[in-house]
Amino acid sequence: MFVQDDLQQRWWNLEAQLAERFGKKPDMEAILFLIGLQETGFIQEKISKEQKQDLMHVAVCTLLQNSGYFILEGHDADGWPHFKQVKELPPLALHDQENFLKDHVLLYFEQHL
């Protein structure tokens, strides 16, 4: 129980930091979008829905790379990273999936802030 409480507290702290920086409390999708932007350096005035999904996919692969679920295979001609899944994700209930991802997001920000 304490581990979950600690995760939630650290998550709230991250949300507060990002809200202070961007003026709005981000949800998980916004945080994944930010990580995708950070990892790709993708800057464009108008971003399509498909591009947003691609950026969030890059974020998830990047996050789970630390735990050995994905490896970076390389970059395409446009500079987008491509990953290969090398390990099956654990079967988790929806709430546990969210906490699994939150834990990886927190690790990412600890390493990149």
PDB file of N, CA and C in Angstrom:
ATOM      1  N   MET A   1       0.819  -1.196   0.000  1.00  0.00           N
ATOM      2  CA  MET A   1       0.000   0.000   0.000  1.00  0.00           C
ATOM      3  C   MET A   1       0.863   1.260   0.000  1.00  0.00           C
ATOM      4  N   PHE A   2       1.971   1.222   0.763  1.00  0.00           N
ATOM      5  CA  PHE A   2       2.816   2.410   0.838  1.00  0.00           C
ATOM      6  C   PHE A   2       3.482   2.713  -0.493  1.00  0.00           C
ATOM      7  N   VAL A   3       3.845   1.670  -1.235  1.00  0.00           N
ATOM      8  CA  VAL A   3       4.465   1.869  -2.543  1.00  0.00           C
ATOM      9  C   VAL A   3       3.486   2.597  -3.455  1.00  0.00           C
ATOM     10  N   GLN A   4       2.218   2.180  -3.442  1.00  0.00           N
ATOM     11  CA  GLN A   4       1.201   2.830  -4.262  1.00  0.00           C
ATOM     12  C   GLN A   4       1.010   4.285  -3.824  1.00  0.00           C
ATOM     13  N   ASP A   5       1.001   4.523  -2.504  1.00  0.00           N
ATOM     14  CA  ASP A   5       0.853   5.888  -1.995  1.00  0.00           C
ATOM     15  C   ASP A   5       2.021   6.754  -2.455  1.00  0.00           C
ATOM     16  N   ASP A   6       3.232   6.188  -2.398  1.00  0.00           N
ATOM     17  CA  ASP A   6       4.419   6.914  -2.844  1.00  0.00           C
ATOM     18  C   ASP A   6       4.338   7.224  -4.332  1.00  0.00           C
ATOM     19  N   LEU A   7       3.896   6.258  -5.129  1.00  0.00           N
ATOM     20  CA  LEU A   7       3.726   6.468  -6.567  1.00  0.00           C
ATOM     21  C   LEU A   7       2.749   7.612  -6.814  1.00  0.00           C
ATOM     22  N   GLN A   8       1.625   7.583  -6.125  1.00  0.00           N
ATOM     23  CA  GLN A   8       0.618   8.624  -6.320  1.00  0.00           C
ATOM     24  C   GLN A   8       1.157   9.994  -5.907  1.00  0.00           C
ATOM     25  N   GLN A   9       1.869  10.061  -4.814  1.00  0.00           N
ATOM     26  CA  GLN A   9       2.430  11.340  -4.361  1.00  0.00           C
ATOM     27  C   GLN A   9       3.453  11.866  -5.359  1.00  0.00           C
ATOM     28  N   ARG A  10       4.307  10.984  -5.841  1.00  0.00           N
ATOM     29  CA  ARG A  10       5.312  11.408  -6.833  1.00  0.00           C
ATOM     30  C   ARG A  10       4.626  11.849  -8.125  1.00  0.00           C
ATOM     31  N   TRP A  11       3.516  11.181  -8.496  1.00  0.00           N
ATOM     32  CA  TRP A  11       2.770  11.556  -9.694  1.00  0.00           C
ATOM     33  C   TRP A  11       2.160  12.951  -9.520  1.00  0.00           C
ATOM     34  N   TRP A  12       1.555  13.196  -8.366  1.00  0.00           N
ATOM     35  CA  TRP A  12       0.969  14.519  -8.102  1.00  0.00           C
ATOM     36  C   TRP A  12       2.047  15.604  -8.143  1.00  0.00           C
ATOM     37  N   ASN A  13       3.234  15.292  -7.622  1.00  0.00           N
ATOM     38  CA  ASN A  13       4.337  16.258  -7.658  1.00  0.00           C
ATOM     39  C   ASN A  13       4.740  16.574  -9.099  1.00  0.00           C
ATOM     40  N   LEU A  14       4.812  15.536  -9.935  1.00  0.00           N
ATOM     41  CA  LEU A  14       5.148  15.756 -11.344  1.00  0.00           C
ATOM     42  C   LEU A  14       4.062  16.588 -12.027  1.00  0.00           C
ATOM     43  N   GLU A  15       2.801  16.247 -11.800  1.00  0.00           N
ATOM     44  CA  GLU A  15       1.703  17.022 -12.381  1.00  0.00           C
ATOM     45  C   GLU A  15       1.790  18.493 -11.965  1.00  0.00           C
ATOM     46  N   ALA A  16       2.124  18.729 -10.706  1.00  0.00           N
ATOM     47  CA  ALA A  16       2.235  20.104 -10.207  1.00  0.00           C
ATOM     48  C   ALA A  16       3.383  20.837 -10.907  1.00  0.00           C
ATOM     49  N   GLN A  17       4.509  20.164 -11.089  1.00  0.00           N
ATOM     50  CA  GLN A  17       5.652  20.777 -11.783  1.00  0.00           C
ATOM     51  C   GLN A  17       5.287  21.135 -13.220  1.00  0.00           C
ATOM     52  N   LEU A  18       4.628  20.198 -13.894  1.00  0.00           N
ATOM     53  CA  LEU A  18       4.256  20.445 -15.288  1.00  0.00           C
ATOM     54  C   LEU A  18       3.174  21.517 -15.394  1.00  0.00           C
ATOM     55  N   ALA A  19       2.251  21.537 -14.460  1.00  0.00           N
ATOM     56  CA  ALA A  19       1.203  22.562 -14.453  1.00  0.00           C
ATOM     57  C   ALA A  19       1.820  23.943 -14.245  1.00  0.00           C
ATOM     58  N   GLU A  20       2.816  24.008 -13.378  1.00  0.00           N
ATOM     59  CA  GLU A  20       3.492  25.286 -13.145  1.00  0.00           C
ATOM     60  C   GLU A  20       4.227  25.746 -14.403  1.00  0.00           C
ATOM     61  N   ARG A  21       4.833  24.811 -15.070  1.00  0.00           N
ATOM     62  CA  ARG A  21       5.612  25.144 -16.274  1.00  0.00           C
ATOM     63  C   ARG A  21       4.739  25.508 -17.466  1.00  0.00           C
ATOM     64  N   PHE A  22       3.612  24.768 -17.636  1.00  0.00           N
ATOM     65  CA  PHE A  22       2.788  24.955 -18.822  1.00  0.00           C
ATOM     66  C   PHE A  22       1.462  25.664 -18.561  1.00  0.00           C
ATOM     67  N   GLY A  23       1.157  25.945 -17.297  1.00  0.00           N
ATOM     68  CA  GLY A  23      -0.052  26.690 -16.975  1.00  0.00           C
ATOM     69  C   GLY A  23      -1.321  25.858 -16.959  1.00  0.00           C
ATOM     70  N   LYS A  24      -1.186  24.558 -17.045  1.00  0.00           N
ATOM     71  CA  LYS A  24      -2.350  23.675 -17.085  1.00  0.00           C
ATOM     72  C   LYS A  24      -1.919  22.290 -16.622  1.00  0.00           C
ATOM     73  N   LYS A  25      -2.752  21.648 -15.798  1.00  0.00           N
ATOM     74  CA  LYS A  25      -2.434  20.293 -15.335  1.00  0.00           C
ATOM     75  C   LYS A  25      -2.608  19.306 -16.488  1.00  0.00           C
ATOM     76  N   PRO A  26      -1.539  18.593 -16.828  1.00  0.00           N
ATOM     77  CA  PRO A  26      -1.618  17.665 -17.962  1.00  0.00           C
ATOM     78  C   PRO A  26      -2.204  16.311 -17.560  1.00  0.00           C
ATOM     79  N   ASP A  27      -2.884  15.672 -18.509  1.00  0.00           N
ATOM     80  CA  ASP A  27      -3.306  14.296 -18.295  1.00  0.00           C
ATOM     81  C   ASP A  27      -2.225  13.383 -18.884  1.00  0.00           C
ATOM     82  N   MET A  28      -2.431  12.085 -18.795  1.00  0.00           N
ATOM     83  CA  MET A  28      -1.425  11.134 -19.262  1.00  0.00           C
ATOM     84  C   MET A  28      -1.129  11.323 -20.754  1.00  0.00           C
ATOM     85  N   GLU A  29      -2.166  11.544 -21.557  1.00  0.00           N
ATOM     86  CA  GLU A  29      -1.944  11.724 -22.997  1.00  0.00           C
ATOM     87  C   GLU A  29      -1.065  12.936 -23.267  1.00  0.00           C
ATOM     88  N   ALA A  30      -1.308  14.021 -22.558  1.00  0.00           N
ATOM     89  CA  ALA A  30      -0.497  15.232 -22.745  1.00  0.00           C
ATOM     90  C   ALA A  30       0.952  14.982 -22.339  1.00  0.00           C
ATOM     91  N   ILE A  31       1.147  14.239 -21.267  1.00  0.00           N
ATOM     92  CA  ILE A  31       2.508  13.933 -20.817  1.00  0.00           C
ATOM     93  C   ILE A  31       3.221  13.048 -21.843  1.00  0.00           C
ATOM     94  N   LEU A  32       2.519  12.062 -22.373  1.00  0.00           N
ATOM     95  CA  LEU A  32       3.119  11.215 -23.413  1.00  0.00           C
ATOM     96  C   LEU A  32       3.444  12.033 -24.656  1.00  0.00           C
ATOM     97  N   PHE A  33       2.559  12.945 -25.009  1.00  0.00           N
ATOM     98  CA  PHE A  33       2.786  13.829 -26.149  1.00  0.00           C
ATOM     99  C   PHE A  33       4.061  14.663 -25.934  1.00  0.00           C
ATOM    100  N   LEU A  34       4.213  15.216 -24.731  1.00  0.00           N
ATOM    101  CA  LEU A  34       5.412  16.006 -24.409  1.00  0.00           C
ATOM    102  C   LEU A  34       6.684  15.163 -24.514  1.00  0.00           C
ATOM    103  N   ILE A  35       6.622  13.948 -23.997  1.00  0.00           N
ATOM    104  CA  ILE A  35       7.791  13.066 -24.071  1.00  0.00           C
ATOM    105  C   ILE A  35       8.107  12.746 -25.531  1.00  0.00           C
ATOM    106  N   GLY A  36       7.071  12.484 -26.335  1.00  0.00           N
ATOM    107  CA  GLY A  36       7.281  12.225 -27.758  1.00  0.00           C
ATOM    108  C   GLY A  36       7.932  13.397 -28.463  1.00  0.00           C
ATOM    109  N   LEU A  37       7.478  14.599 -28.140  1.00  0.00           N
ATOM    110  CA  LEU A  37       8.096  15.803 -28.716  1.00  0.00           C
ATOM    111  C   LEU A  37       9.558  15.904 -28.304  1.00  0.00           C
ATOM    112  N   GLN A  38       9.815  15.655 -27.026  1.00  0.00           N
ATOM    113  CA  GLN A  38      11.176  15.723 -26.498  1.00  0.00           C
ATOM    114  C   GLN A  38      12.085  14.711 -27.202  1.00  0.00           C
ATOM    115  N   GLU A  39      11.596  13.514 -27.392  1.00  0.00           N
ATOM    116  CA  GLU A  39      12.415  12.439 -27.961  1.00  0.00           C
ATOM    117  C   GLU A  39      12.655  12.595 -29.457  1.00  0.00           C
ATOM    118  N   THR A  40      11.716  13.195 -30.165  1.00  0.00           N
ATOM    119  CA  THR A  40      11.852  13.311 -31.617  1.00  0.00           C
ATOM    120  C   THR A  40      12.389  14.669 -32.058  1.00  0.00           C
ATOM    121  N   GLY A  41      12.194  15.686 -31.215  1.00  0.00           N
ATOM    122  CA  GLY A  41      12.541  17.038 -31.627  1.00  0.00           C
ATOM    123  C   GLY A  41      11.587  17.565 -32.684  1.00  0.00           C
ATOM    124  N   PHE A  42      10.464  16.892 -32.822  1.00  0.00           N
ATOM    125  CA  PHE A  42       9.460  17.245 -33.838  1.00  0.00           C
ATOM    126  C   PHE A  42       8.827  18.588 -33.489  1.00  0.00           C
ATOM    127  N   ILE A  43       8.967  19.539 -34.399  1.00  0.00           N
ATOM    128  CA  ILE A  43       8.372  20.859 -34.200  1.00  0.00           C
ATOM    129  C   ILE A  43       7.638  21.236 -35.475  1.00  0.00           C
ATOM    130  N   GLN A  44       6.376  21.498 -35.318  1.00  0.00           N
ATOM    131  CA  GLN A  44       5.542  21.865 -36.449  1.00  0.00           C
ATOM    132  C   GLN A  44       4.371  22.666 -35.896  1.00  0.00           C
ATOM    133  N   GLU A  45       3.950  23.690 -36.624  1.00  0.00           N
ATOM    134  CA  GLU A  45       2.861  24.531 -36.131  1.00  0.00           C
ATOM    135  C   GLU A  45       1.554  23.759 -36.019  1.00  0.00           C
ATOM    136  N   LYS A  46       1.220  23.011 -37.039  1.00  0.00           N
ATOM    137  CA  LYS A  46       0.007  22.188 -37.029  1.00  0.00           C
ATOM    138  C   LYS A  46       0.422  20.721 -36.946  1.00  0.00           C
ATOM    139  N   ILE A  47      -0.126  20.015 -35.963  1.00  0.00           N
ATOM    140  CA  ILE A  47       0.179  18.603 -35.796  1.00  0.00           C
ATOM    141  C   ILE A  47      -1.121  17.827 -35.959  1.00  0.00           C
ATOM    142  N   SER A  48      -1.105  16.870 -36.865  1.00  0.00           N
ATOM    143  CA  SER A  48      -2.303  16.073 -37.134  1.00  0.00           C
ATOM    144  C   SER A  48      -2.554  15.081 -35.998  1.00  0.00           C
ATOM    145  N   LYS A  49      -3.761  14.548 -35.981  1.00  0.00           N
ATOM    146  CA  LYS A  49      -4.113  13.542 -34.982  1.00  0.00           C
ATOM    147  C   LYS A  49      -3.193  12.328 -35.107  1.00  0.00           C
ATOM    148  N   GLU A  50      -2.902  11.927 -36.337  1.00  0.00           N
ATOM    149  CA  GLU A  50      -2.015  10.786 -36.564  1.00  0.00           C
ATOM    150  C   GLU A  50      -0.605  11.072 -36.043  1.00  0.00           C
ATOM    151  N   GLN A  51      -0.117  12.287 -36.261  1.00  0.00           N
ATOM    152  CA  GLN A  51       1.211  12.657 -35.762  1.00  0.00           C
ATOM    153  C   GLN A  51       1.229  12.647 -34.232  1.00  0.00           C
ATOM    154  N   LYS A  52       0.142  13.116 -33.607  1.00  0.00           N
ATOM    155  CA  LYS A  52       0.056  13.086 -32.142  1.00  0.00           C
ATOM    156  C   LYS A  52       0.114  11.646 -31.646  1.00  0.00           C
ATOM    157  N   GLN A  53      -0.614  10.756 -32.313  1.00  0.00           N
ATOM    158  CA  GLN A  53      -0.593   9.341 -31.933  1.00  0.00           C
ATOM    159  C   GLN A  53       0.806   8.760 -32.113  1.00  0.00           C
ATOM    160  N   ASP A  54       1.473   9.124 -33.207  1.00  0.00           N
ATOM    161  CA  ASP A  54       2.836   8.649 -33.450  1.00  0.00           C
ATOM    162  C   ASP A  54       3.785   9.131 -32.354  1.00  0.00           C
ATOM    163  N   LEU A  55       3.636  10.391 -31.950  1.00  0.00           N
ATOM    164  CA  LEU A  55       4.481  10.951 -30.897  1.00  0.00           C
ATOM    165  C   LEU A  55       4.247  10.235 -29.567  1.00  0.00           C
ATOM    166  N   MET A  56       2.988   9.922 -29.259  1.00  0.00           N
ATOM    167  CA  MET A  56       2.682   9.206 -28.020  1.00  0.00           C
ATOM    168  C   MET A  56       3.218   7.770 -28.087  1.00  0.00           C
ATOM    169  N   HIS A  57       3.188   7.167 -29.266  1.00  0.00           N
ATOM    170  CA  HIS A  57       3.751   5.821 -29.441  1.00  0.00           C
ATOM    171  C   HIS A  57       5.266   5.845 -29.196  1.00  0.00           C
ATOM    172  N   VAL A  58       5.937   6.848 -29.740  1.00  0.00           N
ATOM    173  CA  VAL A  58       7.377   7.001 -29.504  1.00  0.00           C
ATOM    174  C   VAL A  58       7.630   7.133 -28.008  1.00  0.00           C
ATOM    175  N   ALA A  59       6.783   7.900 -27.326  1.00  0.00           N
ATOM    176  CA  ALA A  59       6.950   8.089 -25.883  1.00  0.00           C
ATOM    177  C   ALA A  59       6.822   6.769 -25.138  1.00  0.00           C
ATOM    178  N   VAL A  60       5.793   6.000 -25.435  1.00  0.00           N
ATOM    179  CA  VAL A  60       5.576   4.729 -24.737  1.00  0.00           C
ATOM    180  C   VAL A  60       6.755   3.783 -24.986  1.00  0.00           C
ATOM    181  N   CYS A  61       7.187   3.684 -26.224  1.00  0.00           N
ATOM    182  CA  CYS A  61       8.328   2.814 -26.538  1.00  0.00           C
ATOM    183  C   CYS A  61       9.583   3.281 -25.813  1.00  0.00           C
ATOM    184  N   THR A  62       9.796   4.589 -25.778  1.00  0.00           N
ATOM    185  CA  THR A  62      10.955   5.154 -25.084  1.00  0.00           C
ATOM    186  C   THR A  62      10.895   4.828 -23.600  1.00  0.00           C
ATOM    187  N   LEU A  63       9.715   5.020 -23.005  1.00  0.00           N
ATOM    188  CA  LEU A  63       9.553   4.761 -21.571  1.00  0.00           C
ATOM    189  C   LEU A  63       9.816   3.293 -21.240  1.00  0.00           C
ATOM    190  N   LEU A  64       9.276   2.404 -22.042  1.00  0.00           N
ATOM    191  CA  LEU A  64       9.372   0.971 -21.743  1.00  0.00           C
ATOM    192  C   LEU A  64      10.698   0.367 -22.193  1.00  0.00           C
ATOM    193  N   GLN A  65      11.463   1.144 -22.923  1.00  0.00           N
ATOM    194  CA  GLN A  65      12.806   0.723 -23.319  1.00  0.00           C
ATOM    195  C   GLN A  65      13.680   0.521 -22.076  1.00  0.00           C
ATOM    196  N   ASN A  66      13.495   1.380 -21.062  1.00  0.00           N
ATOM    197  CA  ASN A  66      14.293   1.278 -19.831  1.00  0.00           C
ATOM    198  C   ASN A  66      14.109  -0.056 -19.117  1.00  0.00           C
ATOM    199  N   SER A  67      12.945  -0.676 -19.290  1.00  0.00           N
ATOM    200  CA  SER A  67      12.669  -1.946 -18.636  1.00  0.00           C
ATOM    201  C   SER A  67      12.868  -3.135 -19.574  1.00  0.00           C
ATOM    202  N   GLY A  68      13.419  -2.890 -20.747  1.00  0.00           N
ATOM    203  CA  GLY A  68      13.755  -3.969 -21.659  1.00  0.00           C
ATOM    204  C   GLY A  68      12.617  -4.495 -22.512  1.00  0.00           C
ATOM    205  N   TYR A  69      11.520  -3.745 -22.610  1.00  0.00           N
ATOM    206  CA  TYR A  69      10.394  -4.195 -23.435  1.00  0.00           C
ATOM    207  C   TYR A  69      10.580  -3.836 -24.904  1.00  0.00           C
ATOM    208  N   PHE A  70      11.306  -2.757 -25.167  1.00  0.00           N
ATOM    209  CA  PHE A  70      11.554  -2.297 -26.534  1.00  0.00           C
ATOM    210  C   PHE A  70      13.027  -1.958 -26.680  1.00  0.00           C
ATOM    211  N   ILE A  71      13.501  -2.071 -27.909  1.00  0.00           N
ATOM    212  CA  ILE A  71      14.844  -1.565 -28.237  1.00  0.00           C
ATOM    213  C   ILE A  71      14.701  -0.624 -29.429  1.00  0.00           C
ATOM    214  N   LEU A  72      15.564   0.351 -29.461  1.00  0.00           N
ATOM    215  CA  LEU A  72      15.594   1.289 -30.575  1.00  0.00           C
ATOM    216  C   LEU A  72      16.324   0.617 -31.729  1.00  0.00           C
ATOM    217  N   GLU A  73      15.619   0.495 -32.856  1.00  0.00           N
ATOM    218  CA  GLU A  73      16.237  -0.125 -34.038  1.00  0.00           C
ATOM    219  C   GLU A  73      16.983   0.899 -34.882  1.00  0.00           C
ATOM    220  N   GLY A  74      16.549   2.146 -34.816  1.00  0.00           N
ATOM    221  CA  GLY A  74      17.181   3.189 -35.608  1.00  0.00           C
ATOM    222  C   GLY A  74      16.185   4.279 -35.930  1.00  0.00           C
ATOM    223  N   HIS A  75      16.581   5.149 -36.838  1.00  0.00           N
ATOM    224  CA  HIS A  75      15.747   6.272 -37.240  1.00  0.00           C
ATOM    225  C   HIS A  75      15.502   6.208 -38.745  1.00  0.00           C
ATOM    226  N   ASP A  76      14.325   6.653 -39.162  1.00  0.00           N
ATOM    227  CA  ASP A  76      14.031   6.673 -40.592  1.00  0.00           C
ATOM    228  C   ASP A  76      14.601   7.944 -41.228  1.00  0.00           C
ATOM    229  N   ALA A  77      14.356   8.120 -42.508  1.00  0.00           N
ATOM    230  CA  ALA A  77      14.903   9.265 -43.249  1.00  0.00           C
ATOM    231  C   ALA A  77      14.417  10.604 -42.698  1.00  0.00           C
ATOM    232  N   ASP A  78      13.246  10.613 -42.059  1.00  0.00           N
ATOM    233  CA  ASP A  78      12.709  11.847 -41.484  1.00  0.00           C
ATOM    234  C   ASP A  78      13.172  12.066 -40.051  1.00  0.00           C
ATOM    235  N   GLY A  79      13.979  11.145 -39.523  1.00  0.00           N
ATOM    236  CA  GLY A  79      14.501  11.287 -38.170  1.00  0.00           C
ATOM    237  C   GLY A  79      13.632  10.670 -37.082  1.00  0.00           C
ATOM    238  N   TRP A  80      12.553   9.987 -37.468  1.00  0.00           N
ATOM    239  CA  TRP A  80      11.671   9.374 -36.475  1.00  0.00           C
ATOM    240  C   TRP A  80      12.291   8.071 -35.979  1.00  0.00           C
ATOM    241  N   PRO A  81      12.277   7.864 -34.662  1.00  0.00           N
ATOM    242  CA  PRO A  81      12.818   6.616 -34.122  1.00  0.00           C
ATOM    243  C   PRO A  81      11.875   5.445 -34.381  1.00  0.00           C
ATOM    244  N   HIS A  82      12.472   4.262 -34.572  1.00  0.00           N
ATOM    245  CA  HIS A  82      11.694   3.037 -34.750  1.00  0.00           C
ATOM    246  C   HIS A  82      12.169   2.019 -33.724  1.00  0.00           C
ATOM    247  N   PHE A  83      11.189   1.408 -33.071  1.00  0.00           N
ATOM    248  CA  PHE A  83      11.471   0.480 -31.981  1.00  0.00           C
ATOM    249  C   PHE A  83      11.006  -0.926 -32.338  1.00  0.00           C
ATOM    250  N   LYS A  84      11.610  -1.882 -31.683  1.00  0.00           N
ATOM    251  CA  LYS A  84      11.201  -3.277 -31.820  1.00  0.00           C
ATOM    252  C   LYS A  84      10.854  -3.787 -30.424  1.00  0.00           C
ATOM    253  N   GLN A  85       9.688  -4.417 -30.302  1.00  0.00           N
ATOM    254  CA  GLN A  85       9.312  -5.015 -29.024  1.00  0.00           C
ATOM    255  C   GLN A  85      10.070  -6.321 -28.869  1.00  0.00           C
ATOM    256  N   VAL A  86      10.771  -6.465 -27.735  1.00  0.00           N
ATOM    257  CA  VAL A  86      11.594  -7.651 -27.521  1.00  0.00           C
ATOM    258  C   VAL A  86      11.122  -8.489 -26.335  1.00  0.00           C
ATOM    259  N   LYS A  87      10.141  -7.984 -25.607  1.00  0.00           N
ATOM    260  CA  LYS A  87       9.632  -8.705 -24.439  1.00  0.00           C
ATOM    261  C   LYS A  87       8.148  -8.391 -24.318  1.00  0.00           C
ATOM    262  N   GLU A  88       7.358  -9.396 -23.982  1.00  0.00           N
ATOM    263  CA  GLU A  88       5.921  -9.203 -23.814  1.00  0.00           C
ATOM    264  C   GLU A  88       5.644  -8.341 -22.589  1.00  0.00           C
ATOM    265  N   LEU A  89       4.666  -7.464 -22.726  1.00  0.00           N
ATOM    266  CA  LEU A  89       4.245  -6.657 -21.582  1.00  0.00           C
ATOM    267  C   LEU A  89       3.482  -7.539 -20.606  1.00  0.00           C
ATOM    268  N   PRO A  90       3.601  -7.245 -19.323  1.00  0.00           N
ATOM    269  CA  PRO A  90       2.904  -8.080 -18.342  1.00  0.00           C
ATOM    270  C   PRO A  90       1.391  -7.903 -18.452  1.00  0.00           C
ATOM    271  N   PRO A  91       0.648  -8.981 -18.248  1.00  0.00           N
ATOM    272  CA  PRO A  91      -0.821  -8.857 -18.265  1.00  0.00           C
ATOM    273  C   PRO A  91      -1.268  -8.176 -16.967  1.00  0.00           C
ATOM    274  N   LEU A  92      -1.791  -6.979 -17.096  1.00  0.00           N
ATOM    275  CA  LEU A  92      -2.189  -6.200 -15.925  1.00  0.00           C
ATOM    276  C   LEU A  92      -3.617  -5.697 -16.081  1.00  0.00           C
ATOM    277  N   ALA A  93      -4.279  -5.535 -14.956  1.00  0.00           N
ATOM    278  CA  ALA A  93      -5.594  -4.892 -14.953  1.00  0.00           C
ATOM    279  C   ALA A  93      -5.405  -3.432 -15.363  1.00  0.00           C
ATOM    280  N   LEU A  94      -6.468  -2.797 -15.819  1.00  0.00           N
ATOM    281  CA  LEU A  94      -6.389  -1.427 -16.331  1.00  0.00           C
ATOM    282  C   LEU A  94      -5.733  -0.472 -15.341  1.00  0.00           C
ATOM    283  N   HIS A  95      -6.137  -0.517 -14.078  1.00  0.00           N
ATOM    284  CA  HIS A  95      -5.560   0.368 -13.061  1.00  0.00           C
ATOM    285  C   HIS A  95      -4.065   0.102 -12.887  1.00  0.00           C
ATOM    286  N   ASP A  96      -3.688  -1.168 -12.912  1.00  0.00           N
ATOM    287  CA  ASP A  96      -2.279  -1.525 -12.773  1.00  0.00           C
ATOM    288  C   ASP A  96      -1.473  -1.112 -14.000  1.00  0.00           C
ATOM    289  N   GLN A  97      -2.096  -1.158 -15.188  1.00  0.00           N
ATOM    290  CA  GLN A  97      -1.433  -0.681 -16.404  1.00  0.00           C
ATOM    291  C   GLN A  97      -1.106   0.802 -16.276  1.00  0.00           C
ATOM    292  N   GLU A  98      -2.065   1.557 -15.754  1.00  0.00           N
ATOM    293  CA  GLU A  98      -1.859   2.995 -15.579  1.00  0.00           C
ATOM    294  C   GLU A  98      -0.708   3.252 -14.605  1.00  0.00           C
ATOM    295  N   ASN A  99      -0.672   2.524 -13.504  1.00  0.00           N
ATOM    296  CA  ASN A  99       0.409   2.699 -12.529  1.00  0.00           C
ATOM    297  C   ASN A  99       1.756   2.268 -13.105  1.00  0.00           C
ATOM    298  N   PHE A 100       1.749   1.212 -13.913  1.00  0.00           N
ATOM    299  CA  PHE A 100       2.959   0.733 -14.582  1.00  0.00           C
ATOM    300  C   PHE A 100       3.524   1.846 -15.471  1.00  0.00           C
ATOM    301  N   LEU A 101       2.646   2.475 -16.227  1.00  0.00           N
ATOM    302  CA  LEU A 101       3.071   3.558 -17.113  1.00  0.00           C
ATOM    303  C   LEU A 101       3.491   4.792 -16.307  1.00  0.00           C
ATOM    304  N   LYS A 102       2.743   5.123 -15.273  1.00  0.00           N
ATOM    305  CA  LYS A 102       3.099   6.270 -14.418  1.00  0.00           C
ATOM    306  C   LYS A 102       4.495   6.084 -13.843  1.00  0.00           C
ATOM    307  N   ASP A 103       4.791   4.883 -13.385  1.00  0.00           N
ATOM    308  CA  ASP A 103       6.108   4.610 -12.811  1.00  0.00           C
ATOM    309  C   ASP A 103       7.209   4.854 -13.837  1.00  0.00           C
ATOM    310  N   HIS A 104       6.973   4.448 -15.074  1.00  0.00           N
ATOM    311  CA  HIS A 104       7.957   4.668 -16.135  1.00  0.00           C
ATOM    312  C   HIS A 104       8.066   6.150 -16.505  1.00  0.00           C
ATOM    313  N   VAL A 105       6.964   6.868 -16.493  1.00  0.00           N
ATOM    314  CA  VAL A 105       6.984   8.316 -16.755  1.00  0.00           C
ATOM    315  C   VAL A 105       7.804   9.015 -15.674  1.00  0.00           C
ATOM    316  N   LEU A 106       7.581   8.651 -14.426  1.00  0.00           N
ATOM    317  CA  LEU A 106       8.315   9.268 -13.324  1.00  0.00           C
ATOM    318  C   LEU A 106       9.810   9.010 -13.462  1.00  0.00           C
ATOM    319  N   LEU A 107      10.184   7.794 -13.814  1.00  0.00           N
ATOM    320  CA  LEU A 107      11.588   7.465 -14.022  1.00  0.00           C
ATOM    321  C   LEU A 107      12.183   8.313 -15.140  1.00  0.00           C
ATOM    322  N   TYR A 108      11.431   8.467 -16.214  1.00  0.00           N
ATOM    323  CA  TYR A 108      11.877   9.280 -17.348  1.00  0.00           C
ATOM    324  C   TYR A 108      12.172  10.715 -16.897  1.00  0.00           C
ATOM    325  N   PHE A 109      11.248  11.310 -16.159  1.00  0.00           N
ATOM    326  CA  PHE A 109      11.437  12.694 -15.731  1.00  0.00           C
ATOM    327  C   PHE A 109      12.547  12.825 -14.695  1.00  0.00           C
ATOM    328  N   GLU A 110      12.750  11.804 -13.877  1.00  0.00           N
ATOM    329  CA  GLU A 110      13.876  11.834 -12.941  1.00  0.00           C
ATOM    330  C   GLU A 110      15.197  11.864 -13.713  1.00  0.00           C
ATOM    331  N   GLN A 111      15.245  11.171 -14.839  1.00  0.00           N
ATOM    332  CA  GLN A 111      16.470  11.093 -15.629  1.00  0.00           C
ATOM    333  C   GLN A 111      16.659  12.294 -16.562  1.00  0.00           C
ATOM    334  N   HIS A 112      15.564  12.998 -16.893  1.00  0.00           N
ATOM    335  CA  HIS A 112      15.638  14.054 -17.906  1.00  0.00           C
ATOM    336  C   HIS A 112      15.360  15.468 -17.400  1.00  0.00           C
ATOM    337  N   LEU A 113      15.123  15.627 -16.120  1.00  0.00           N
ATOM    338  CA  LEU A 113      14.897  16.994 -15.617  1.00  0.00           C
ATOM    339  C   LEU A 113      16.123  17.559 -14.977  1.00  0.00           C
TER     340      LEU A 113
END
